């Protein structure tokens, strides 16, 4: 993961605080991203926490639909375009690029 891959508000894990997750703030870009933060694997728990509804291997949030294969890899599939989404920040960035809105984490 490089700083160019991140936006303010992306969820990442702090390397020195194993397991501690945080969102990227503007001040985070003043430190070495690669040495201080790492990507968070995109799991079913994250999808559900972002508000996706599950139906089998499919996850939907409004008109945004994802598919999870047997290897737990999440895909966005629009016919000719297939994008694998291995990390939380990649889902956040793609969702924003396609909808113009940030994914909101459910705090329930």
Protein backbone atom coordinates (compact mmCIF):
# COMPACT_ATOMS: atom_id res chain seq x y z
CA UNK A 1 0.00 0.00 0.00
CA UNK A 2 1.30 3.43 -0.93
CA UNK A 3 0.07 6.89 0.01
CA UNK A 4 -1.24 7.38 -3.54
CA UNK A 5 -3.65 4.46 -2.89
CA UNK A 6 -5.33 6.20 0.05
CA UNK A 7 -7.93 8.86 0.60
CA UNK A 8 -8.80 10.66 3.80
CA UNK A 9 -11.31 8.44 5.62
CA UNK A 10 -9.88 5.12 4.38
CA UNK A 11 -9.67 2.43 7.04
CA UNK A 12 -6.16 1.01 7.67
CA UNK A 13 -4.34 -0.92 10.38
CA UNK A 14 -1.58 0.72 12.42
CA UNK A 15 1.48 -1.52 12.17
CA UNK A 16 2.96 -0.62 15.58
CA UNK A 17 -0.38 -1.23 17.33
CA UNK A 18 -1.15 -4.68 16.02
CA UNK A 19 -4.85 -5.07 15.38
CA UNK A 20 -5.65 -1.38 15.97
CA UNK A 21 -7.59 0.06 13.05
CA UNK A 22 -8.08 3.72 12.25
CA UNK A 23 -9.08 6.03 9.44
CA UNK A 24 -6.59 8.04 7.43
CA UNK A 25 -6.52 11.73 8.35
CA UNK A 26 -4.66 14.53 6.57
CA UNK A 27 -1.90 14.37 9.21
CA UNK A 28 -1.22 10.72 8.33
CA UNK A 29 0.35 11.80 5.04
CA UNK A 30 3.17 13.53 6.93
CA UNK A 31 4.60 10.14 7.95
CA UNK A 32 5.81 7.20 5.88
CA UNK A 33 2.59 5.39 5.01
CA UNK A 34 4.32 2.09 4.14
CA UNK A 35 6.12 1.91 7.51
CA UNK A 36 3.20 2.96 9.69
CA UNK A 37 0.04 1.53 8.12
CA UNK A 38 -1.06 -1.62 6.33
CA UNK A 39 -4.14 -2.63 4.38
CA UNK A 40 -7.07 -4.35 6.08
CA UNK A 41 -8.34 -7.50 4.36
CA UNK A 42 -11.90 -7.11 3.09
CA UNK A 43 -14.06 -9.63 4.93
CA UNK A 44 -17.75 -10.36 5.17
CA UNK A 45 -17.80 -8.58 8.53
CA UNK A 46 -16.56 -5.37 6.90
CA UNK A 47 -19.17 -5.63 4.13
CA UNK A 48 -21.96 -6.07 6.65
CA UNK A 49 -20.61 -3.23 8.82
CA UNK A 50 -20.71 -0.95 5.76
CA UNK A 51 -24.39 -1.81 5.38
CA UNK A 52 -24.26 -4.37 2.57
CA UNK A 53 -27.07 -6.92 2.59
CA UNK A 54 -26.14 -10.53 1.93
CA UNK A 55 -27.96 -13.02 -0.28
CA UNK A 56 -25.82 -16.14 -0.64
CA UNK A 57 -22.49 -15.06 -2.16
CA UNK A 58 -23.89 -11.70 -3.27
CA UNK A 59 -23.73 -8.45 -1.33
CA UNK A 60 -25.72 -5.36 -2.21
CA UNK A 61 -25.78 -1.78 -1.06
CA UNK A 62 -28.37 0.05 -3.10
CA UNK A 63 -27.42 -0.45 -6.75
CA UNK A 64 -23.84 -1.44 -5.85
CA UNK A 65 -23.45 -5.23 -6.02
CA UNK A 66 -20.50 -7.45 -5.08
CA UNK A 67 -19.82 -11.17 -5.31
CA UNK A 68 -17.68 -13.30 -2.97
CA UNK A 69 -16.17 -16.47 -4.42
CA UNK A 70 -15.25 -19.67 -2.59
CA UNK A 71 -11.79 -18.28 -1.80
CA UNK A 72 -13.36 -15.33 0.07
CA UNK A 73 -12.24 -12.89 -2.63
CA UNK A 74 -14.75 -10.13 -3.26
CA UNK A 75 -15.41 -8.99 -6.83
CA UNK A 76 -17.24 -6.19 -8.50
CA UNK A 77 -18.58 -7.63 -11.76
CA UNK A 78 -20.17 -5.44 -14.42
CA UNK A 79 -20.05 -7.91 -17.32
CA UNK A 80 -16.88 -6.95 -19.13
CA UNK A 81 -15.28 -5.42 -16.03
CA UNK A 82 -14.22 -7.57 -13.08
CA UNK A 83 -12.36 -5.92 -10.19
CA UNK A 84 -11.06 -7.91 -7.24
CA UNK A 85 -11.39 -6.10 -3.95
CA UNK A 86 -8.96 -7.58 -1.46
CA UNK A 87 -8.74 -4.62 0.89
CA UNK A 88 -11.16 -2.31 2.69
CA UNK A 89 -9.58 0.88 1.32
CA UNK A 90 -9.94 -0.40 -2.27
CA UNK A 91 -13.67 -0.95 -1.75
CA UNK A 92 -13.99 2.50 -0.18
CA UNK A 93 -12.17 4.15 -3.09
CA UNK A 94 -14.11 2.29 -5.79
CA UNK A 95 -17.45 2.97 -4.11
CA UNK A 96 -16.60 6.67 -3.94
CA UNK A 97 -15.44 6.74 -7.57
CA UNK A 98 -18.68 5.14 -8.79
CA UNK A 99 -21.21 6.83 -6.51
CA UNK A 100 -19.55 10.08 -5.37
CA UNK A 101 -20.33 9.12 -1.78
CA UNK A 102 -18.24 7.69 1.04
CA UNK A 103 -19.13 4.32 2.54
CA UNK A 104 -20.36 4.81 6.08
CA UNK A 105 -19.50 2.34 8.80
CA UNK A 106 -22.48 1.23 10.90
CA UNK A 107 -21.77 1.95 14.55
CA UNK A 108 -24.48 -0.32 15.95
